[in-house]
Protein backbone atom coordinates (compact mmCIF):
# COMPACT_ATOMS: atom_id res chain seq x y z
CA UNK A 1 0.00 0.00 0.00
CA UNK A 2 2.79 2.39 0.88
CA UNK A 3 4.38 1.87 -2.54
CA UNK A 4 1.15 2.82 -4.33
CA UNK A 5 0.79 5.96 -2.23
CA UNK A 6 4.39 6.93 -3.02
CA UNK A 7 3.68 6.39 -6.75
CA UNK A 8 0.54 8.55 -6.47
CA UNK A 9 2.56 11.38 -4.97
CA UNK A 10 5.28 10.90 -7.61
CA UNK A 11 2.61 11.12 -10.32
CA UNK A 12 1.38 14.41 -8.90
CA UNK A 13 4.92 15.81 -8.89
CA UNK A 14 5.43 14.66 -12.49
CA UNK A 15 2.26 16.43 -13.56
CA UNK A 16 3.33 19.60 -11.78
CA UNK A 17 6.77 19.51 -13.39
CA UNK A 18 5.18 19.10 -16.85
CA UNK A 19 2.73 21.92 -16.17
CA UNK A 20 -0.31 19.65 -16.11
CA UNK A 21 -1.49 20.43 -12.58
CA UNK A 22 -4.64 22.36 -11.62
CA UNK A 23 -6.78 19.83 -13.44
CA UNK A 24 -9.97 19.12 -11.52
CA UNK A 25 -10.49 15.40 -10.93
CA UNK A 26 -6.97 14.22 -11.79
CA UNK A 27 -6.84 10.44 -11.58
CA UNK A 28 -3.63 8.47 -11.63
CA UNK A 29 -3.42 4.74 -12.38
CA UNK A 30 -1.69 4.16 -9.04
CA UNK A 31 -4.62 5.79 -7.23
CA UNK A 32 -6.76 2.78 -8.08
CA UNK A 33 -4.32 0.36 -6.45
CA UNK A 34 -3.73 2.65 -3.47
CA UNK A 35 -7.50 2.87 -2.91
CA UNK A 36 -7.95 -0.90 -3.10
CA UNK A 37 -5.09 -1.40 -0.65
CA UNK A 38 -6.55 1.19 1.70
CA UNK A 39 -10.00 -0.44 1.57
CA UNK A 40 -8.52 -3.87 2.36
CA UNK A 41 -6.57 -2.36 5.25
CA UNK A 42 -9.70 -0.70 6.64
CA UNK A 43 -11.76 -3.87 6.35
CA UNK A 44 -9.21 -5.77 8.45
CA UNK A 45 -8.85 -2.94 10.98
CA UNK A 46 -10.93 -3.41 14.11
CA UNK A 47 -12.20 -0.18 15.70
CA UNK A 48 -14.72 0.64 18.37
CA UNK A 49 -18.10 2.00 17.30
CA UNK A 50 -17.89 5.78 16.84
CA UNK A 51 -19.28 8.52 14.61
CA UNK A 52 -16.84 7.88 11.76
CA UNK A 53 -17.40 4.13 11.78
CA UNK A 54 -21.19 4.68 11.69
CA UNK A 55 -20.87 7.12 8.78
CA UNK A 56 -18.63 4.64 6.96
CA UNK A 57 -21.00 1.74 7.58
CA UNK A 58 -24.24 3.58 6.82
CA UNK A 59 -23.27 6.08 4.12
CA UNK A 60 -20.23 4.76 2.22
CA UNK A 61 -22.15 3.63 -0.87
CA UNK A 62 -24.15 6.84 -1.09
CA UNK A 63 -20.99 8.93 -0.59
CA UNK A 64 -19.33 7.01 -3.43
CA UNK A 65 -22.33 7.47 -5.73
CA UNK A 66 -23.26 11.09 -4.92
CA UNK A 67 -19.92 12.83 -4.39
CA UNK A 68 -19.08 13.41 -8.09
CA UNK A 69 -22.39 15.19 -8.73
CA UNK A 70 -22.13 17.24 -5.55
CA UNK A 71 -18.50 18.09 -6.32
CA UNK A 72 -19.47 19.26 -9.81
CA UNK A 73 -22.29 21.44 -8.48
CA UNK A 74 -20.16 22.99 -5.75
CA UNK A 75 -17.37 23.69 -8.25
CA UNK A 76 -19.77 25.41 -10.65
CA UNK A 77 -21.01 27.63 -7.81
CA UNK A 78 -17.44 28.37 -6.66
CA UNK A 79 -16.42 29.33 -10.21
CA UNK A 80 -19.36 31.72 -10.52
CA UNK A 81 -18.41 33.35 -7.23
CA UNK A 82 -14.69 33.39 -8.15
CA UNK A 83 -13.22 31.50 -5.19
CA UNK A 84 -11.36 28.72 -7.04
CA UNK A 85 -7.98 29.49 -5.45
CA UNK A 86 -9.18 28.96 -1.87
CA UNK A 87 -11.62 26.16 -2.78
CA UNK A 88 -8.87 23.86 -4.06
CA UNK A 89 -7.39 23.59 -0.56
CA UNK A 90 -10.65 22.61 1.14
CA UNK A 91 -12.55 20.92 -1.68
CA UNK A 92 -12.30 17.38 -0.32
CA UNK A 93 -13.60 18.36 3.11
CA UNK A 94 -16.35 20.57 1.69
CA UNK A 95 -17.55 17.87 -0.72
CA UNK A 96 -17.47 15.16 1.96
CA UNK A 97 -19.42 17.20 4.52
CA UNK A 98 -21.92 18.40 1.92
CA UNK A 99 -22.42 14.84 0.67
CA UNK A 100 -23.03 13.51 4.20
CA UNK A 101 -25.51 16.30 4.92
CA UNK A 102 -27.25 15.63 1.60
CA UNK A 103 -27.54 11.92 2.44
CA UNK A 104 -29.08 12.77 5.83
CA UNK A 105 -31.60 15.10 4.19
CA UNK A 106 -32.49 12.53 1.52
CA UNK A 107 -33.05 9.96 4.27
CA UNK A 108 -35.29 12.32 6.24
CA UNK A 109 -37.32 12.91 3.07
CA UNK A 110 -37.42 9.12 2.56
CA UNK A 111 -35.92 9.41 -0.91
CA UNK A 112 -33.17 6.96 -0.03
CA UNK A 113 -33.13 4.21 2.58
CA UNK A 114 -30.61 2.71 4.95
CA UNK A 115 -28.12 0.24 3.53
CA UNK A 116 -28.27 -2.07 6.52
């Protein structure tokens, strides 16, 4: 897993050195393997029940499905407002929190159900 993460970071540095950074949604081939390794690690990891483990258990599929659409919508709003430079630093956190809130609202409206 560590090797894939190192290759991901190396890929980012290569893109920066070739002037191909600032692309929204950059995906590197090593990211796929790093993600799979991270998922396997998390499955084998035993943790006590807490807020993050409940969010992971209850919302992971919906986060995976909804985050690209929510990310696109937030980015289009940010571009209209003109805050791209500061958004790039917090985009992951903003998208994750907005996606979790959206899932909670959709559940309250009974548009989506619980996975378990």
